Amino acid sequence: MSDYTIRLFESDIAIRRIGEGLLARTLPKSEWTHEAHLAACGWLLLERAQMDLESCLPEIIRSYNVAVGGENTDSAGYHETLTQLYIIGVRRFLETCAADGLLGKINALLASSMAPRDWPFRFYSRDLLFSAAARRGWVDPDLAAI
């Protein structure tokens, strides 16, 4: 996997700010980093467990993208396969994570083997993952089972 510099969170408040900012569509676009994506997913799974993320998160992300001036097209913005893949991965990680509390669990996630940005390429070829079909809807992996 690629070299990955871990940027950990300093507090529960910082993690909640990311998640709440996503939901309210007020998080500055510059703060919607890879770590923020993972933290928001983890926060939603841990503290908004009543949400059906597989159903809700796509529209949350699409509306956030538009709110910060982005678009959701076949080449930019929302990506269905990546979103669903990370929901699966983060949920599985949290089910076995022994760290305590929100901060401990999210920072453990960011230090895990699924945190590097190239994690999806364990399962998908670049061509398939960046296809319009994968961006629009779920596509099964072509390299390995999840």
N, C-alpha and C. Protein backbone atom coordinates (compact mmCIF):
# COMPACT_ATOMS: atom_id res chain seq x y z
N MET A 1 0.83 -1.19 0.00
CA MET A 1 0.00 0.00 0.00
C MET A 1 0.88 1.25 0.00
N SER A 2 0.30 2.38 -0.24
CA SER A 2 1.05 3.62 -0.35
C SER A 2 1.49 4.15 1.01
N ASP A 3 2.46 5.05 0.97
CA ASP A 3 2.88 5.75 2.19
C ASP A 3 1.72 6.63 2.63
N TYR A 4 1.43 6.61 3.90
CA TYR A 4 0.27 7.32 4.42
C TYR A 4 0.63 8.01 5.72
N THR A 5 0.55 9.32 5.74
CA THR A 5 0.79 10.08 6.95
C THR A 5 -0.53 10.22 7.68
N ILE A 6 -0.59 9.70 8.88
CA ILE A 6 -1.82 9.72 9.66
C ILE A 6 -2.02 11.10 10.28
N ARG A 7 -3.21 11.65 10.07
CA ARG A 7 -3.59 12.91 10.72
C ARG A 7 -4.72 12.58 11.68
N LEU A 8 -4.36 12.42 12.95
CA LEU A 8 -5.33 12.02 13.97
C LEU A 8 -6.13 13.22 14.47
N PHE A 9 -7.27 12.93 15.07
CA PHE A 9 -8.10 13.96 15.69
C PHE A 9 -7.64 14.18 17.12
N GLU A 10 -7.87 15.38 17.63
CA GLU A 10 -7.43 15.72 18.97
C GLU A 10 -8.52 15.59 20.02
N SER A 11 -9.79 15.51 19.58
CA SER A 11 -10.87 15.46 20.58
C SER A 11 -12.15 14.91 19.96
N ASP A 12 -13.04 14.47 20.84
CA ASP A 12 -14.39 14.09 20.41
C ASP A 12 -15.08 15.26 19.73
N ILE A 13 -14.86 16.46 20.28
CA ILE A 13 -15.50 17.66 19.74
C ILE A 13 -15.12 17.86 18.28
N ALA A 14 -13.84 17.67 17.95
CA ALA A 14 -13.38 17.85 16.57
C ALA A 14 -14.06 16.84 15.63
N ILE A 15 -14.24 15.63 16.10
CA ILE A 15 -14.90 14.60 15.28
C ILE A 15 -16.37 14.95 15.10
N ARG A 16 -17.03 15.30 16.18
CA ARG A 16 -18.45 15.66 16.09
C ARG A 16 -18.66 16.88 15.20
N ARG A 17 -17.73 17.82 15.24
CA ARG A 17 -17.83 19.02 14.39
C ARG A 17 -17.84 18.63 12.91
N ILE A 18 -17.01 17.65 12.54
CA ILE A 18 -16.99 17.17 11.16
C ILE A 18 -18.34 16.55 10.80
N GLY A 19 -18.81 15.62 11.63
CA GLY A 19 -20.07 14.94 11.34
C GLY A 19 -21.26 15.89 11.33
N GLU A 20 -21.33 16.75 12.31
CA GLU A 20 -22.45 17.70 12.36
C GLU A 20 -22.37 18.71 11.23
N GLY A 21 -21.15 19.12 10.87
CA GLY A 21 -20.98 20.03 9.74
C GLY A 21 -21.40 19.40 8.42
N LEU A 22 -21.13 18.11 8.27
CA LEU A 22 -21.59 17.39 7.08
C LEU A 22 -23.11 17.37 7.03
N LEU A 23 -23.73 16.99 8.14
CA LEU A 23 -25.20 16.91 8.17
C LEU A 23 -25.85 18.27 7.93
N ALA A 24 -25.26 19.32 8.49
CA ALA A 24 -25.83 20.66 8.35
C ALA A 24 -25.38 21.34 7.06
N ARG A 25 -24.46 20.70 6.35
CA ARG A 25 -23.89 21.24 5.11
C ARG A 25 -23.16 22.57 5.37
N THR A 26 -22.52 22.67 6.54
CA THR A 26 -21.79 23.88 6.90
C THR A 26 -20.29 23.65 7.05
N LEU A 27 -19.84 22.42 6.94
CA LEU A 27 -18.42 22.13 7.04
C LEU A 27 -17.70 22.77 5.85
N PRO A 28 -16.66 23.57 6.09
CA PRO A 28 -15.93 24.15 4.97
C PRO A 28 -15.38 23.04 4.06
N LYS A 29 -15.48 23.28 2.76
CA LYS A 29 -15.04 22.28 1.78
C LYS A 29 -13.58 21.87 2.02
N SER A 30 -12.75 22.82 2.44
CA SER A 30 -11.33 22.52 2.68
C SER A 30 -11.13 21.53 3.82
N GLU A 31 -12.13 21.38 4.67
CA GLU A 31 -12.03 20.44 5.79
C GLU A 31 -12.62 19.07 5.48
N TRP A 32 -13.17 18.89 4.28
CA TRP A 32 -13.75 17.62 3.88
C TRP A 32 -12.66 16.75 3.28
N THR A 33 -11.73 16.35 4.15
CA THR A 33 -10.56 15.57 3.78
C THR A 33 -10.88 14.07 3.81
N HIS A 34 -9.91 13.28 3.43
CA HIS A 34 -10.07 11.83 3.52
C HIS A 34 -10.33 11.41 4.96
N GLU A 35 -9.56 11.99 5.89
CA GLU A 35 -9.76 11.68 7.31
C GLU A 35 -11.16 12.09 7.76
N ALA A 36 -11.62 13.21 7.27
CA ALA A 36 -12.97 13.69 7.63
C ALA A 36 -14.03 12.74 7.11
N HIS A 37 -13.85 12.22 5.91
CA HIS A 37 -14.79 11.23 5.37
C HIS A 37 -14.89 10.02 6.32
N LEU A 38 -13.73 9.49 6.69
CA LEU A 38 -13.72 8.32 7.57
C LEU A 38 -14.30 8.65 8.94
N ALA A 39 -13.92 9.80 9.49
CA ALA A 39 -14.41 10.19 10.81
C ALA A 39 -15.93 10.40 10.78
N ALA A 40 -16.45 11.04 9.74
CA ALA A 40 -17.89 11.27 9.66
C ALA A 40 -18.64 9.95 9.58
N CYS A 41 -18.14 9.03 8.78
CA CYS A 41 -18.78 7.72 8.68
C CYS A 41 -18.75 7.01 10.03
N GLY A 42 -17.62 7.01 10.68
CA GLY A 42 -17.51 6.38 11.99
C GLY A 42 -18.41 7.04 13.02
N TRP A 43 -18.42 8.35 13.04
CA TRP A 43 -19.28 9.10 13.98
C TRP A 43 -20.75 8.76 13.75
N LEU A 44 -21.16 8.74 12.49
CA LEU A 44 -22.55 8.40 12.19
C LEU A 44 -22.89 6.99 12.66
N LEU A 45 -21.99 6.05 12.43
CA LEU A 45 -22.24 4.67 12.87
C LEU A 45 -22.28 4.55 14.39
N LEU A 46 -21.44 5.32 15.07
CA LEU A 46 -21.36 5.22 16.53
C LEU A 46 -22.41 6.05 17.25
N GLU A 47 -22.67 7.25 16.76
CA GLU A 47 -23.52 8.16 17.52
C GLU A 47 -24.85 8.49 16.85
N ARG A 48 -25.04 8.04 15.65
CA ARG A 48 -26.32 8.20 14.96
C ARG A 48 -26.75 6.83 14.41
N ALA A 49 -26.64 5.85 15.29
CA ALA A 49 -26.87 4.46 14.89
C ALA A 49 -28.27 4.21 14.35
N GLN A 50 -29.22 5.07 14.67
CA GLN A 50 -30.58 4.90 14.17
C GLN A 50 -30.68 5.19 12.68
N MET A 51 -29.69 5.86 12.12
CA MET A 51 -29.70 6.17 10.69
C MET A 51 -29.33 4.94 9.88
N ASP A 52 -30.02 4.73 8.79
CA ASP A 52 -29.67 3.69 7.84
C ASP A 52 -28.69 4.32 6.86
N LEU A 53 -27.39 4.22 7.17
CA LEU A 53 -26.39 4.93 6.38
C LEU A 53 -26.39 4.55 4.92
N GLU A 54 -26.59 3.27 4.64
CA GLU A 54 -26.59 2.85 3.24
C GLU A 54 -27.63 3.62 2.43
N SER A 55 -28.74 3.99 3.06
CA SER A 55 -29.79 4.74 2.37
C SER A 55 -29.61 6.25 2.51
N CYS A 56 -29.23 6.71 3.70
CA CYS A 56 -29.19 8.15 4.00
C CYS A 56 -27.92 8.85 3.53
N LEU A 57 -26.78 8.20 3.67
CA LEU A 57 -25.51 8.87 3.41
C LEU A 57 -25.37 9.36 1.97
N PRO A 58 -25.83 8.63 0.97
CA PRO A 58 -25.70 9.15 -0.39
C PRO A 58 -26.30 10.55 -0.57
N GLU A 59 -27.50 10.76 -0.11
CA GLU A 59 -28.12 12.07 -0.27
C GLU A 59 -27.46 13.12 0.62
N ILE A 60 -27.01 12.73 1.80
CA ILE A 60 -26.28 13.65 2.67
C ILE A 60 -25.04 14.18 1.94
N ILE A 61 -24.29 13.28 1.35
CA ILE A 61 -23.07 13.69 0.65
C ILE A 61 -23.40 14.50 -0.60
N ARG A 62 -24.37 14.05 -1.38
CA ARG A 62 -24.74 14.80 -2.59
C ARG A 62 -25.15 16.23 -2.24
N SER A 63 -25.99 16.38 -1.23
CA SER A 63 -26.46 17.73 -0.87
C SER A 63 -25.33 18.56 -0.27
N TYR A 64 -24.42 17.93 0.48
CA TYR A 64 -23.26 18.65 0.99
C TYR A 64 -22.41 19.15 -0.18
N ASN A 65 -22.14 18.29 -1.15
CA ASN A 65 -21.32 18.68 -2.30
C ASN A 65 -21.89 19.92 -2.98
N VAL A 66 -23.19 19.92 -3.21
CA VAL A 66 -23.83 21.06 -3.86
C VAL A 66 -23.74 22.31 -2.97
N ALA A 67 -23.94 22.14 -1.68
CA ALA A 67 -23.91 23.27 -0.75
C ALA A 67 -22.56 23.97 -0.71
N VAL A 68 -21.48 23.22 -0.96
CA VAL A 68 -20.15 23.83 -0.93
C VAL A 68 -19.65 24.17 -2.34
N GLY A 69 -20.57 24.20 -3.30
CA GLY A 69 -20.23 24.63 -4.64
C GLY A 69 -19.77 23.54 -5.59
N GLY A 70 -19.92 22.30 -5.18
CA GLY A 70 -19.51 21.19 -6.03
C GLY A 70 -20.65 20.68 -6.90
N GLU A 71 -20.35 19.68 -7.67
CA GLU A 71 -21.33 19.03 -8.53
C GLU A 71 -21.27 17.53 -8.28
N ASN A 72 -22.30 16.86 -8.68
CA ASN A 72 -22.36 15.39 -8.62
C ASN A 72 -22.57 14.91 -10.04
N THR A 73 -21.46 14.54 -10.69
CA THR A 73 -21.50 14.17 -12.10
C THR A 73 -20.87 12.79 -12.28
N ASP A 74 -20.75 12.37 -13.53
CA ASP A 74 -20.11 11.10 -13.82
C ASP A 74 -18.60 11.13 -13.61
N SER A 75 -18.04 12.31 -13.32
CA SER A 75 -16.59 12.40 -13.13
C SER A 75 -16.18 13.17 -11.86
N ALA A 76 -17.16 13.66 -11.11
CA ALA A 76 -16.82 14.44 -9.91
C ALA A 76 -17.95 14.36 -8.89
N GLY A 77 -17.59 14.62 -7.65
CA GLY A 77 -18.60 14.65 -6.59
C GLY A 77 -18.92 13.27 -6.06
N TYR A 78 -20.18 13.04 -5.79
CA TYR A 78 -20.61 11.81 -5.13
C TYR A 78 -20.21 10.56 -5.90
N HIS A 79 -19.80 9.52 -5.14
CA HIS A 79 -19.38 8.25 -5.72
C HIS A 79 -20.03 7.12 -4.92
N GLU A 80 -21.03 6.49 -5.49
CA GLU A 80 -21.83 5.48 -4.79
C GLU A 80 -21.00 4.28 -4.33
N THR A 81 -20.18 3.71 -5.20
CA THR A 81 -19.44 2.52 -4.84
C THR A 81 -18.46 2.81 -3.71
N LEU A 82 -17.74 3.92 -3.79
CA LEU A 82 -16.82 4.27 -2.71
C LEU A 82 -17.55 4.50 -1.40
N THR A 83 -18.68 5.18 -1.46
CA THR A 83 -19.45 5.44 -0.23
C THR A 83 -19.88 4.13 0.42
N GLN A 84 -20.45 3.25 -0.35
CA GLN A 84 -20.94 1.98 0.21
C GLN A 84 -19.78 1.10 0.67
N LEU A 85 -18.67 1.12 -0.06
CA LEU A 85 -17.50 0.34 0.34
C LEU A 85 -16.98 0.82 1.69
N TYR A 86 -16.88 2.12 1.87
CA TYR A 86 -16.39 2.64 3.15
C TYR A 86 -17.38 2.41 4.28
N ILE A 87 -18.65 2.45 4.01
CA ILE A 87 -19.62 2.11 5.07
C ILE A 87 -19.37 0.67 5.53
N ILE A 88 -19.20 -0.23 4.58
CA ILE A 88 -18.92 -1.64 4.92
C ILE A 88 -17.63 -1.74 5.73
N GLY A 89 -16.57 -1.11 5.23
CA GLY A 89 -15.28 -1.21 5.89
C GLY A 89 -15.26 -0.59 7.28
N VAL A 90 -15.82 0.61 7.42
CA VAL A 90 -15.82 1.28 8.72
C VAL A 90 -16.68 0.51 9.70
N ARG A 91 -17.84 0.02 9.27
CA ARG A 91 -18.71 -0.76 10.15
C ARG A 91 -17.97 -2.01 10.64
N ARG A 92 -17.34 -2.73 9.74
CA ARG A 92 -16.60 -3.94 10.13
C ARG A 92 -15.47 -3.61 11.09
N PHE A 93 -14.76 -2.53 10.82
CA PHE A 93 -13.67 -2.14 11.71
C PHE A 93 -14.20 -1.85 13.12
N LEU A 94 -15.25 -1.06 13.21
CA LEU A 94 -15.79 -0.66 14.51
C LEU A 94 -16.36 -1.84 15.29
N GLU A 95 -16.86 -2.85 14.59
CA GLU A 95 -17.41 -4.02 15.27
C GLU A 95 -16.35 -4.78 16.07
N THR A 96 -15.10 -4.65 15.67
CA THR A 96 -14.03 -5.38 16.36
C THR A 96 -13.02 -4.46 17.04
N CYS A 97 -13.23 -3.17 16.97
CA CYS A 97 -12.29 -2.21 17.54
C CYS A 97 -12.34 -2.23 19.07
N ALA A 98 -11.19 -2.40 19.69
CA ALA A 98 -11.13 -2.47 21.15
C ALA A 98 -10.85 -1.11 21.80
N ALA A 99 -10.62 -0.09 21.01
CA ALA A 99 -10.33 1.24 21.56
C ALA A 99 -11.55 1.78 22.29
N ASP A 100 -11.31 2.65 23.25
CA ASP A 100 -12.39 3.24 24.04
C ASP A 100 -12.82 4.58 23.47
N GLY A 101 -14.11 4.84 23.55
CA GLY A 101 -14.65 6.15 23.22
C GLY A 101 -14.56 6.53 21.75
N LEU A 102 -15.24 7.61 21.42
CA LEU A 102 -15.28 8.10 20.05
C LEU A 102 -13.88 8.42 19.54
N LEU A 103 -13.14 9.22 20.27
CA LEU A 103 -11.80 9.62 19.83
C LEU A 103 -10.90 8.40 19.65
N GLY A 104 -10.92 7.50 20.59
CA GLY A 104 -10.09 6.31 20.49
C GLY A 104 -10.44 5.46 19.28
N LYS A 105 -11.72 5.27 19.05
CA LYS A 105 -12.16 4.44 17.92
C LYS A 105 -11.84 5.09 16.58
N ILE A 106 -12.11 6.39 16.45
CA ILE A 106 -11.85 7.07 15.17
C ILE A 106 -10.35 7.14 14.90
N ASN A 107 -9.54 7.45 15.90
CA ASN A 107 -8.10 7.47 15.68
C ASN A 107 -7.54 6.08 15.39
N ALA A 108 -8.11 5.05 15.99
CA ALA A 108 -7.71 3.68 15.66
C ALA A 108 -8.07 3.37 14.21
N LEU A 109 -9.23 3.82 13.77
CA LEU A 109 -9.63 3.65 12.37
C LEU A 109 -8.63 4.32 11.45
N LEU A 110 -8.24 5.56 11.78
CA LEU A 110 -7.31 6.30 10.94
C LEU A 110 -5.91 5.68 10.92
N ALA A 111 -5.58 4.90 11.94
CA ALA A 111 -4.29 4.21 12.00
C ALA A 111 -4.37 2.79 11.45
N SER A 112 -5.55 2.37 11.01
CA SER A 112 -5.76 0.99 10.57
C SER A 112 -5.33 0.79 9.11
N SER A 113 -5.36 -0.47 8.70
CA SER A 113 -4.98 -0.81 7.33
C SER A 113 -5.99 -0.35 6.29
N MET A 114 -7.18 0.07 6.72
CA MET A 114 -8.16 0.55 5.74
C MET A 114 -8.11 2.06 5.56
N ALA A 115 -7.27 2.75 6.32
CA ALA A 115 -7.22 4.20 6.23
C ALA A 115 -6.46 4.75 5.02
N PRO A 116 -5.43 4.10 4.53
CA PRO A 116 -4.74 4.65 3.36
C PRO A 116 -5.69 4.86 2.18
N ARG A 117 -5.43 5.91 1.46
CA ARG A 117 -6.32 6.30 0.36
C ARG A 117 -6.44 5.24 -0.73
N ASP A 118 -5.46 4.35 -0.81
CA ASP A 118 -5.52 3.32 -1.86
C ASP A 118 -6.20 2.02 -1.39
N TRP A 119 -6.78 2.01 -0.20
CA TRP A 119 -7.46 0.83 0.32
C TRP A 119 -8.49 0.25 -0.67
N PRO A 120 -9.30 1.06 -1.34
CA PRO A 120 -10.30 0.48 -2.27
C PRO A 120 -9.68 -0.34 -3.40
N PHE A 121 -8.40 -0.06 -3.73
CA PHE A 121 -7.76 -0.78 -4.83
C PHE A 121 -7.34 -2.19 -4.45
N ARG A 122 -7.57 -2.58 -3.23
CA ARG A 122 -7.42 -3.99 -2.86
C ARG A 122 -8.55 -4.81 -3.49
N PHE A 123 -9.65 -4.15 -3.77
CA PHE A 123 -10.86 -4.81 -4.25
C PHE A 123 -11.22 -4.46 -5.69
N TYR A 124 -10.84 -3.28 -6.12
CA TYR A 124 -11.26 -2.75 -7.42
C TYR A 124 -10.07 -2.34 -8.28
N SER A 125 -10.19 -2.60 -9.57
CA SER A 125 -9.24 -2.02 -10.51
C SER A 125 -9.56 -0.54 -10.65
N ARG A 126 -8.56 0.22 -11.01
CA ARG A 126 -8.74 1.66 -11.18
C ARG A 126 -9.81 1.95 -12.22
N ASP A 127 -9.78 1.24 -13.34
CA ASP A 127 -10.76 1.48 -14.41
C ASP A 127 -12.19 1.27 -13.93
N LEU A 128 -12.42 0.19 -13.21
CA LEU A 128 -13.78 -0.08 -12.74
C LEU A 128 -14.19 0.93 -11.68
N LEU A 129 -13.31 1.19 -10.71
CA LEU A 129 -13.68 2.08 -9.61
C LEU A 129 -13.98 3.50 -10.10
N PHE A 130 -13.27 3.95 -11.10
CA PHE A 130 -13.50 5.32 -11.59
C PHE A 130 -14.42 5.39 -12.79
N SER A 131 -15.14 4.32 -13.03
CA SER A 131 -16.11 4.32 -14.12
C SER A 131 -17.37 5.09 -13.72
N ALA A 132 -18.10 5.55 -14.71
CA ALA A 132 -19.36 6.24 -14.45
C ALA A 132 -20.34 5.29 -13.75
N ALA A 133 -20.32 4.04 -14.11
CA ALA A 133 -21.23 3.06 -13.49
C ALA A 133 -20.97 2.95 -11.99
N ALA A 134 -19.70 2.93 -11.58
CA ALA A 134 -19.36 2.82 -10.16
C ALA A 134 -19.68 4.11 -9.42
N ARG A 135 -19.60 5.21 -10.09
CA ARG A 135 -19.94 6.49 -9.47
C ARG A 135 -21.46 6.60 -9.28
N ARG A 136 -22.22 6.11 -10.24
CA ARG A 136 -23.69 6.22 -10.19
C ARG A 136 -24.35 5.19 -9.28
N GLY A 137 -23.77 4.00 -9.19
CA GLY A 137 -24.40 2.92 -8.43
C GLY A 137 -23.35 1.93 -7.94
N TRP A 138 -23.80 1.02 -7.10
CA TRP A 138 -22.90 0.00 -6.58
C TRP A 138 -22.46 -0.93 -7.69
N VAL A 139 -21.15 -1.20 -7.74
CA VAL A 139 -20.63 -2.26 -8.61
C VAL A 139 -19.82 -3.20 -7.75
N ASP A 140 -19.93 -4.48 -8.02
CA ASP A 140 -19.17 -5.48 -7.28
C ASP A 140 -17.69 -5.37 -7.62
N PRO A 141 -16.83 -5.70 -6.65
CA PRO A 141 -15.39 -5.64 -6.89
C PRO A 141 -14.96 -6.61 -7.98
N ASP A 142 -13.90 -6.24 -8.68
CA ASP A 142 -13.38 -7.11 -9.74
C ASP A 142 -12.03 -7.74 -9.39
N LEU A 143 -11.45 -7.39 -8.25
CA LEU A 143 -10.15 -7.97 -7.88
C LEU A 143 -10.22 -8.93 -6.71
N ALA A 144 -11.00 -8.60 -5.70
CA ALA A 144 -11.08 -9.43 -4.49
C ALA A 144 -12.38 -9.17 -3.77
N ALA A 145 -12.85 -10.14 -3.05
CA ALA A 145 -14.06 -9.96 -2.23
C ALA A 145 -13.75 -9.00 -1.09
N ILE A 146 -14.74 -8.28 -0.69
CA ILE A 146 -14.56 -7.31 0.41
C ILE A 146 -14.52 -8.07 1.73
